[in-house]
Amino acid sequence: MFNQFNWVKPQTWHQTLSSEESTILERAISISFFAGLPALCAQIAFSVPWTPVPYTFQTFAVLATGVYLRRNDAFLSGCLYLLVGAIGAPVFAEGGDMLFDSGKLIASRGYLLAFPFASALVAEGLDRSRNSGVADIKAQLICWTLAMIPVYVVGTLWLAESYSVDLAQAFEWGVEPFLVWDFAKIVIMAIVTTKLWSYSQPE
């Protein structure tokens, strides 16, 4: 299992995890692991008075899922994360174990619904680099930026609906405070994937 994994070269791990030669079992293990990553990162959270949405490292985990897995697997990983949380596992921010409350989606959970799509978009950018054998910086940055759009849009719309406020107020609560926070995560990931990772085909 994972016979192609070169443990001493972490800069090539993404090639093994996203390889089309992976077995069904290897893919299932990778999908499950990266479904657990946002659950772990969600516990690194803190609330602030100017927004009802907590700061977490979930979006960092979502980006990481996309950079390590190929597109379809990244999407499935995000769906598995939501499913596990929906059935009551404490995988959401600050140990949250509910996606719905009284039959209604919890206010801050709207962002989570877009996570599978965000991971898949990031994976598309990395797949282009892997296929070309070099770091396609433009494709990566475009896909990472596009990946955040559904997260912000769905999250903001549901925040407005849940609190019965207009979109301007929801944007002020759910997007503005997180722009620099999320941009910093993208910059860190971009430095790693373009400066440290290898895209040459393994021999």
C-alpha atoms as a PDB file:
ATOM      1  CA  MET A   1       0.000   0.000   0.000  1.00  0.00           C
ATOM      2  CA  PHE A   2       1.356   3.438  -0.995  1.00  0.00           C
ATOM      3  CA  ASN A   3       4.400   1.658  -2.417  1.00  0.00           C
ATOM      4  CA  GLN A   4       5.286   4.781  -4.436  1.00  0.00           C
ATOM      5  CA  PHE A   5       5.412   6.951  -1.317  1.00  0.00           C
ATOM      6  CA  ASN A   6       8.872   8.425  -0.773  1.00  0.00           C
ATOM      7  CA  TRP A   7       8.773   9.280   2.920  1.00  0.00           C
ATOM      8  CA  VAL A   8      12.071  11.156   2.873  1.00  0.00           C
ATOM      9  CA  LYS A   9      10.885  13.548   0.164  1.00  0.00           C
ATOM     10  CA  PRO A  10       7.750  15.331   1.444  1.00  0.00           C
ATOM     11  CA  GLN A  11       7.926  17.686  -1.552  1.00  0.00           C
ATOM     12  CA  THR A  12       6.789  14.751  -3.725  1.00  0.00           C
ATOM     13  CA  TRP A  13       4.019  13.355  -1.500  1.00  0.00           C
ATOM     14  CA  HIS A  14       1.355  15.223  -3.454  1.00  0.00           C
ATOM     15  CA  GLN A  15       2.300  13.295  -6.574  1.00  0.00           C
ATOM     16  CA  THR A  16       1.686   9.959  -4.885  1.00  0.00           C
ATOM     17  CA  LEU A  17      -1.577  10.977  -3.222  1.00  0.00           C
ATOM     18  CA  SER A  18      -2.968  12.391  -6.468  1.00  0.00           C
ATOM     19  CA  SER A  19      -1.662   9.621  -8.711  1.00  0.00           C
ATOM     20  CA  GLU A  20      -4.119   8.010 -11.101  1.00  0.00           C
ATOM     21  CA  GLU A  21      -2.369   4.718 -10.367  1.00  0.00           C
ATOM     22  CA  SER A  22      -3.600   4.729  -6.759  1.00  0.00           C
ATOM     23  CA  THR A  23      -5.742   1.767  -5.777  1.00  0.00           C
ATOM     24  CA  ILE A  24      -9.314   2.145  -4.542  1.00  0.00           C
ATOM     25  CA  LEU A  25      -8.131   1.401  -1.007  1.00  0.00           C
ATOM     26  CA  GLU A  26      -5.351   3.980  -1.204  1.00  0.00           C
ATOM     27  CA  ARG A  27      -7.806   6.584  -2.487  1.00  0.00           C
ATOM     28  CA  ALA A  28     -10.285   5.734   0.269  1.00  0.00           C
ATOM     29  CA  ILE A  29      -7.587   6.161   2.925  1.00  0.00           C
ATOM     30  CA  SER A  30      -6.483   9.501   1.453  1.00  0.00           C
ATOM     31  CA  ILE A  31     -10.066  10.767   1.199  1.00  0.00           C
ATOM     32  CA  SER A  32     -10.757   9.757   4.814  1.00  0.00           C
ATOM     33  CA  PHE A  33      -7.556  11.341   6.098  1.00  0.00           C
ATOM     34  CA  PHE A  34      -8.267  14.661   4.419  1.00  0.00           C
ATOM     35  CA  ALA A  35     -11.859  14.565   5.645  1.00  0.00           C
ATOM     36  CA  GLY A  36     -10.406  14.430   9.137  1.00  0.00           C
ATOM     37  CA  LEU A  37      -7.993  17.308   8.554  1.00  0.00           C
ATOM     38  CA  PRO A  38     -10.634  20.103   8.560  1.00  0.00           C
ATOM     39  CA  ALA A  39     -12.203  18.443  11.591  1.00  0.00           C
ATOM     40  CA  LEU A  40      -8.889  18.763  13.416  1.00  0.00           C
ATOM     41  CA  CYS A  41      -8.217  22.295  12.176  1.00  0.00           C
ATOM     42  CA  ALA A  42     -11.734  23.368  13.175  1.00  0.00           C
ATOM     43  CA  GLN A  43     -10.767  22.857  16.811  1.00  0.00           C
ATOM     44  CA  ILE A  44      -8.166  25.609  16.448  1.00  0.00           C
ATOM     45  CA  ALA A  45     -10.816  28.309  16.667  1.00  0.00           C
ATOM     46  CA  PHE A  46     -11.533  31.531  18.487  1.00  0.00           C
ATOM     47  CA  SER A  47     -14.518  33.862  18.577  1.00  0.00           C
ATOM     48  CA  VAL A  48     -14.393  37.646  18.412  1.00  0.00           C
ATOM     49  CA  PRO A  49     -17.071  40.237  19.213  1.00  0.00           C
ATOM     50  CA  TRP A  50     -17.292  41.788  15.735  1.00  0.00           C
ATOM     51  CA  THR A  51     -18.560  38.684  13.925  1.00  0.00           C
ATOM     52  CA  PRO A  52     -20.722  35.663  14.829  1.00  0.00           C
ATOM     53  CA  VAL A  53     -18.456  33.492  12.667  1.00  0.00           C
ATOM     54  CA  PRO A  54     -15.437  32.062  14.507  1.00  0.00           C
ATOM     55  CA  TYR A  55     -11.925  32.244  13.110  1.00  0.00           C
ATOM     56  CA  THR A  56     -10.638  28.741  12.367  1.00  0.00           C
ATOM     57  CA  PHE A  57      -8.020  26.935  10.298  1.00  0.00           C
ATOM     58  CA  GLN A  58     -10.679  25.006   8.387  1.00  0.00           C
ATOM     59  CA  THR A  59     -10.093  26.839   5.129  1.00  0.00           C
ATOM     60  CA  PHE A  60      -6.388  26.025   5.402  1.00  0.00           C
ATOM     61  CA  ALA A  61      -7.360  22.345   5.603  1.00  0.00           C
ATOM     62  CA  VAL A  62      -9.668  22.783   2.617  1.00  0.00           C
ATOM     63  CA  LEU A  63      -6.801  24.253   0.579  1.00  0.00           C
ATOM     64  CA  ALA A  64      -4.480  21.466   1.709  1.00  0.00           C
ATOM     65  CA  THR A  65      -6.997  18.858   0.606  1.00  0.00           C
ATOM     66  CA  GLY A  66      -7.030  20.375  -2.851  1.00  0.00           C
ATOM     67  CA  VAL A  67      -3.269  20.539  -3.171  1.00  0.00           C
ATOM     68  CA  TYR A  68      -2.730  16.905  -2.217  1.00  0.00           C
ATOM     69  CA  LEU A  69      -5.672  15.091  -3.799  1.00  0.00           C
ATOM     70  CA  ARG A  70      -6.895  15.079  -7.368  1.00  0.00           C
ATOM     71  CA  ARG A  71     -10.116  16.920  -8.105  1.00  0.00           C
ATOM     72  CA  ASN A  72     -12.777  14.221  -7.621  1.00  0.00           C
ATOM     73  CA  ASP A  73     -11.147  12.829  -4.495  1.00  0.00           C
ATOM     74  CA  ALA A  74     -10.854  16.316  -3.002  1.00  0.00           C
ATOM     75  CA  PHE A  75     -14.560  16.856  -3.624  1.00  0.00           C
ATOM     76  CA  LEU A  76     -15.470  13.513  -2.029  1.00  0.00           C
ATOM     77  CA  SER A  77     -13.305  14.288   0.983  1.00  0.00           C
ATOM     78  CA  GLY A  78     -15.208  17.521   1.586  1.00  0.00           C
ATOM     79  CA  CYS A  79     -18.535  15.716   1.249  1.00  0.00           C
ATOM     80  CA  LEU A  80     -17.430  13.057   3.737  1.00  0.00           C
ATOM     81  CA  TYR A  81     -16.490  15.752   6.243  1.00  0.00           C
ATOM     82  CA  LEU A  82     -19.957  17.292   5.991  1.00  0.00           C
ATOM     83  CA  LEU A  83     -21.639  13.900   6.239  1.00  0.00           C
ATOM     84  CA  VAL A  84     -19.743  12.939   9.389  1.00  0.00           C
ATOM     85  CA  GLY A  85     -20.684  16.249  10.986  1.00  0.00           C
ATOM     86  CA  ALA A  86     -24.300  15.956   9.890  1.00  0.00           C
ATOM     87  CA  ILE A  87     -24.710  12.650  11.721  1.00  0.00           C
ATOM     88  CA  GLY A  88     -23.447  14.147  14.976  1.00  0.00           C
ATOM     89  CA  ALA A  89     -19.664  13.832  15.174  1.00  0.00           C
ATOM     90  CA  PRO A  90     -17.978  16.852  16.882  1.00  0.00           C
ATOM     91  CA  VAL A  91     -16.013  17.897  13.810  1.00  0.00           C
ATOM     92  CA  PHE A  92     -17.066  21.515  13.470  1.00  0.00           C
ATOM     93  CA  ALA A  93     -15.616  24.663  15.036  1.00  0.00           C
ATOM     94  CA  GLU A  94     -15.123  24.515  18.809  1.00  0.00           C
ATOM     95  CA  GLY A  95     -16.377  20.931  18.982  1.00  0.00           C
ATOM     96  CA  GLY A  96     -19.660  21.622  17.225  1.00  0.00           C
ATOM     97  CA  ASP A  97     -21.532  18.420  16.431  1.00  0.00           C
ATOM     98  CA  MET A  98     -24.512  19.730  14.477  1.00  0.00           C
ATOM     99  CA  LEU A  99     -24.987  20.905  10.927  1.00  0.00           C
ATOM    100  CA  PHE A 100     -28.674  21.584  11.498  1.00  0.00           C
ATOM    101  CA  ASP A 101     -30.605  22.798  14.520  1.00  0.00           C
ATOM    102  CA  SER A 102     -34.385  22.323  14.692  1.00  0.00           C
ATOM    103  CA  GLY A 103     -34.365  21.355  11.037  1.00  0.00           C
ATOM    104  CA  LYS A 104     -32.526  24.523   9.974  1.00  0.00           C
ATOM    105  CA  LEU A 105     -28.923  24.893   8.873  1.00  0.00           C
ATOM    106  CA  ILE A 106     -26.893  26.612  11.602  1.00  0.00           C
ATOM    107  CA  ALA A 107     -25.957  30.180  10.665  1.00  0.00           C
ATOM    108  CA  SER A 108     -22.200  29.763  10.337  1.00  0.00           C
ATOM    109  CA  ARG A 109     -22.454  26.388   8.592  1.00  0.00           C
ATOM    110  CA  GLY A 110     -23.287  27.914   5.213  1.00  0.00           C
ATOM    111  CA  TYR A 111     -19.590  28.336   4.548  1.00  0.00           C
ATOM    112  CA  LEU A 112     -19.035  24.623   5.049  1.00  0.00           C
ATOM    113  CA  LEU A 113     -21.426  23.640   2.277  1.00  0.00           C
ATOM    114  CA  ALA A 114     -19.030  25.128  -0.258  1.00  0.00           C
ATOM    115  CA  PHE A 115     -15.966  23.293   1.066  1.00  0.00           C
ATOM    116  CA  PRO A 116     -16.152  20.319  -1.359  1.00  0.00           C
ATOM    117  CA  PHE A 117     -16.318  22.693  -4.327  1.00  0.00           C
ATOM    118  CA  ALA A 118     -13.468  24.816  -2.949  1.00  0.00           C
ATOM    119  CA  SER A 119     -11.206  21.783  -2.539  1.00  0.00           C
ATOM    120  CA  ALA A 120     -12.025  20.595  -6.045  1.00  0.00           C
ATOM    121  CA  LEU A 121     -11.165  23.991  -7.539  1.00  0.00           C
ATOM    122  CA  VAL A 122      -7.820  24.072  -5.750  1.00  0.00           C
ATOM    123  CA  ALA A 123      -7.104  20.535  -6.934  1.00  0.00           C
ATOM    124  CA  GLU A 124      -7.730  21.630 -10.521  1.00  0.00           C
ATOM    125  CA  GLY A 125      -4.966  24.217 -10.227  1.00  0.00           C
ATOM    126  CA  LEU A 126      -2.493  21.733  -8.775  1.00  0.00           C
ATOM    127  CA  ASP A 127      -3.426  19.067 -11.322  1.00  0.00           C
ATOM    128  CA  ARG A 128      -2.417  21.487 -14.072  1.00  0.00           C
ATOM    129  CA  SER A 129       1.008  21.868 -12.472  1.00  0.00           C
ATOM    130  CA  ARG A 130       1.433  18.134 -12.039  1.00  0.00           C
ATOM    131  CA  ASN A 131       0.398  17.430 -15.620  1.00  0.00           C
ATOM    132  CA  SER A 132       2.831  20.010 -17.009  1.00  0.00           C
ATOM    133  CA  GLY A 133       5.662  18.950 -14.718  1.00  0.00           C
ATOM    134  CA  VAL A 134       6.309  22.494 -13.469  1.00  0.00           C
ATOM    135  CA  ALA A 135       4.665  24.815 -10.959  1.00  0.00           C
ATOM    136  CA  ASP A 136       1.964  26.678 -12.875  1.00  0.00           C
ATOM    137  CA  ILE A 137       1.813  29.646 -10.520  1.00  0.00           C
ATOM    138  CA  LYS A 138      -0.894  31.467 -12.479  1.00  0.00           C
ATOM    139  CA  ALA A 139      -3.235  28.462 -12.553  1.00  0.00           C
ATOM    140  CA  GLN A 140      -2.725  27.821  -8.865  1.00  0.00           C
ATOM    141  CA  LEU A 141      -3.435  31.389  -7.784  1.00  0.00           C
ATOM    142  CA  ILE A 142      -6.495  31.625 -10.020  1.00  0.00           C
ATOM    143  CA  CYS A 143      -7.937  28.380  -8.682  1.00  0.00           C
ATOM    144  CA  TRP A 144      -7.235  29.299  -5.058  1.00  0.00           C
ATOM    145  CA  THR A 145      -8.897  32.658  -5.508  1.00  0.00           C
ATOM    146  CA  LEU A 146     -11.890  31.130  -7.281  1.00  0.00           C
ATOM    147  CA  ALA A 147     -12.120  28.494  -4.555  1.00  0.00           C
ATOM    148  CA  MET A 148     -12.888  31.120  -1.925  1.00  0.00           C
ATOM    149  CA  ILE A 149     -15.726  32.681  -3.924  1.00  0.00           C
ATOM    150  CA  PRO A 150     -18.333  29.920  -3.327  1.00  0.00           C
ATOM    151  CA  VAL A 151     -17.304  29.786   0.341  1.00  0.00           C
ATOM    152  CA  TYR A 152     -17.913  33.511   0.772  1.00  0.00           C
ATOM    153  CA  VAL A 153     -21.053  33.634  -1.374  1.00  0.00           C
ATOM    154  CA  VAL A 154     -22.874  30.688   0.184  1.00  0.00           C
ATOM    155  CA  GLY A 155     -21.720  31.615   3.671  1.00  0.00           C
ATOM    156  CA  THR A 156     -22.791  35.240   3.344  1.00  0.00           C
ATOM    157  CA  LEU A 157     -26.188  34.417   1.851  1.00  0.00           C
ATOM    158  CA  TRP A 158     -26.998  31.968   4.628  1.00  0.00           C
ATOM    159  CA  LEU A 159     -25.686  34.308   7.317  1.00  0.00           C
ATOM    160  CA  ALA A 160     -28.046  37.011   6.046  1.00  0.00           C
ATOM    161  CA  GLU A 161     -30.947  34.561   5.999  1.00  0.00           C
ATOM    162  CA  SER A 162     -30.214  33.172   9.455  1.00  0.00           C
ATOM    163  CA  TYR A 163     -29.901  36.536  11.203  1.00  0.00           C
ATOM    164  CA  SER A 164     -32.493  38.325   9.048  1.00  0.00           C
ATOM    165  CA  VAL A 165     -30.029  41.036   8.052  1.00  0.00           C
ATOM    166  CA  ASP A 166     -29.231  42.542   4.669  1.00  0.00           C
ATOM    167  CA  LEU A 167     -26.349  41.344   2.524  1.00  0.00           C
ATOM    168  CA  ALA A 168     -24.216  44.364   3.420  1.00  0.00           C
ATOM    169  CA  GLN A 169     -24.364  43.458   7.102  1.00  0.00           C
ATOM    170  CA  ALA A 170     -23.747  39.782   6.369  1.00  0.00           C
ATOM    171  CA  PHE A 171     -20.741  40.742   4.225  1.00  0.00           C
ATOM    172  CA  GLU A 172     -19.396  42.910   7.046  1.00  0.00           C
ATOM    173  CA  TRP A 173     -19.725  40.000   9.461  1.00  0.00           C
ATOM    174  CA  GLY A 174     -18.787  37.069   7.295  1.00  0.00           C
ATOM    175  CA  VAL A 175     -16.341  38.241   4.643  1.00  0.00           C
ATOM    176  CA  GLU A 176     -14.505  41.455   5.531  1.00  0.00           C
ATOM    177  CA  PRO A 177     -12.941  40.140   8.782  1.00  0.00           C
ATOM    178  CA  PHE A 178     -11.613  37.060   6.988  1.00  0.00           C
ATOM    179  CA  LEU A 179     -10.121  38.459   3.790  1.00  0.00           C
ATOM    180  CA  VAL A 180      -6.623  39.051   5.181  1.00  0.00           C
ATOM    181  CA  TRP A 181      -6.831  35.853   7.251  1.00  0.00           C
ATOM    182  CA  ASP A 182      -7.632  33.711   4.205  1.00  0.00           C
ATOM    183  CA  PHE A 183      -5.233  35.567   1.913  1.00  0.00           C
ATOM    184  CA  ALA A 184      -2.401  34.797   4.347  1.00  0.00           C
ATOM    185  CA  LYS A 185      -3.227  31.081   4.129  1.00  0.00           C
ATOM    186  CA  ILE A 186      -3.148  31.226   0.326  1.00  0.00           C
ATOM    187  CA  VAL A 187       0.212  33.012   0.328  1.00  0.00           C
ATOM    188  CA  ILE A 188       1.744  30.440   2.675  1.00  0.00           C
ATOM    189  CA  MET A 189       0.408  27.564   0.599  1.00  0.00           C
ATOM    190  CA  ALA A 190       1.576  29.203  -2.636  1.00  0.00           C
ATOM    191  CA  ILE A 191       5.114  29.582  -1.314  1.00  0.00           C
ATOM    192  CA  VAL A 192       5.185  25.904  -0.359  1.00  0.00           C
ATOM    193  CA  THR A 193       3.707  24.532  -3.579  1.00  0.00           C
ATOM    194  CA  THR A 194       5.656  26.749  -5.979  1.00  0.00           C
ATOM    195  CA  LYS A 195       9.015  27.061  -4.225  1.00  0.00           C
ATOM    196  CA  LEU A 196       9.434  23.810  -2.307  1.00  0.00           C
ATOM    197  CA  TRP A 197       7.452  21.142  -4.139  1.00  0.00           C
ATOM    198  CA  SER A 198       8.644  19.045  -7.051  1.00  0.00           C
ATOM    199  CA  TYR A 199       6.486  18.493 -10.140  1.00  0.00           C
ATOM    200  CA  SER A 200       8.894  16.400 -12.177  1.00  0.00           C
ATOM    201  CA  GLN A 201       7.558  12.965 -12.954  1.00  0.00           C
ATOM    202  CA  PRO A 202       8.893  10.357 -10.509  1.00  0.00           C
ATOM    203  CA  GLU A 203      11.222   7.818 -12.053  1.00  0.00           C
END
